[in-house]
Amino acid sequence: MWRYGPIVATFLFVLSLLFNAVTLSGLTRTPQIGEGMREVIYAESVGTYTYVRIGDLLNSAGLGGARAQAFAERALAPGLERIQQQRRLTIPVLYGPATTQAHGWLTLSIYACPLLLVIALALNWFKPKRFKTFSGKK
């Protein structure tokens, strides 16, 4: 099992990164509050803005689009009204306590991504070396 640990950790990191990027980019495409959210995210959270920019590239390639926007709206449905009234509440609503199950998954993925990066790098750095032999097979 130790042999496949680096592969699994790297796969989970990439999956989490793609999910975060596409979902948060879809959230900024919401008609009523999208541009305001993008400005607040740019001003307050560099990491979240990085997710949004990567997601914009992926959405322009056709990866997320309307499905990502629908998931993001469903995940943050109770908080969207608060964000519409005061844009500066974008980050507290996004990173705050989960109000729906989808928001819980989004929050878990946001916090898991940097942790999975560190785990994947550590496991890839310390992965066991194969035993090298100089004799032929018998």
Foldseek 3Di string as FASTA:
>chain_A
DLQCQLVVLVVLLVVLLQLLLQLLLLCLVPVQCNVLLLVLCVVPPPVSNVSNVVNVVCVVVPDHPPNSNVLNCVQQVVCPVVCSVPVNCNVCSQQDDGPDPSSVVNNVSVVVNVVSVVSSVVSVVPRDDDDDDDDDDD
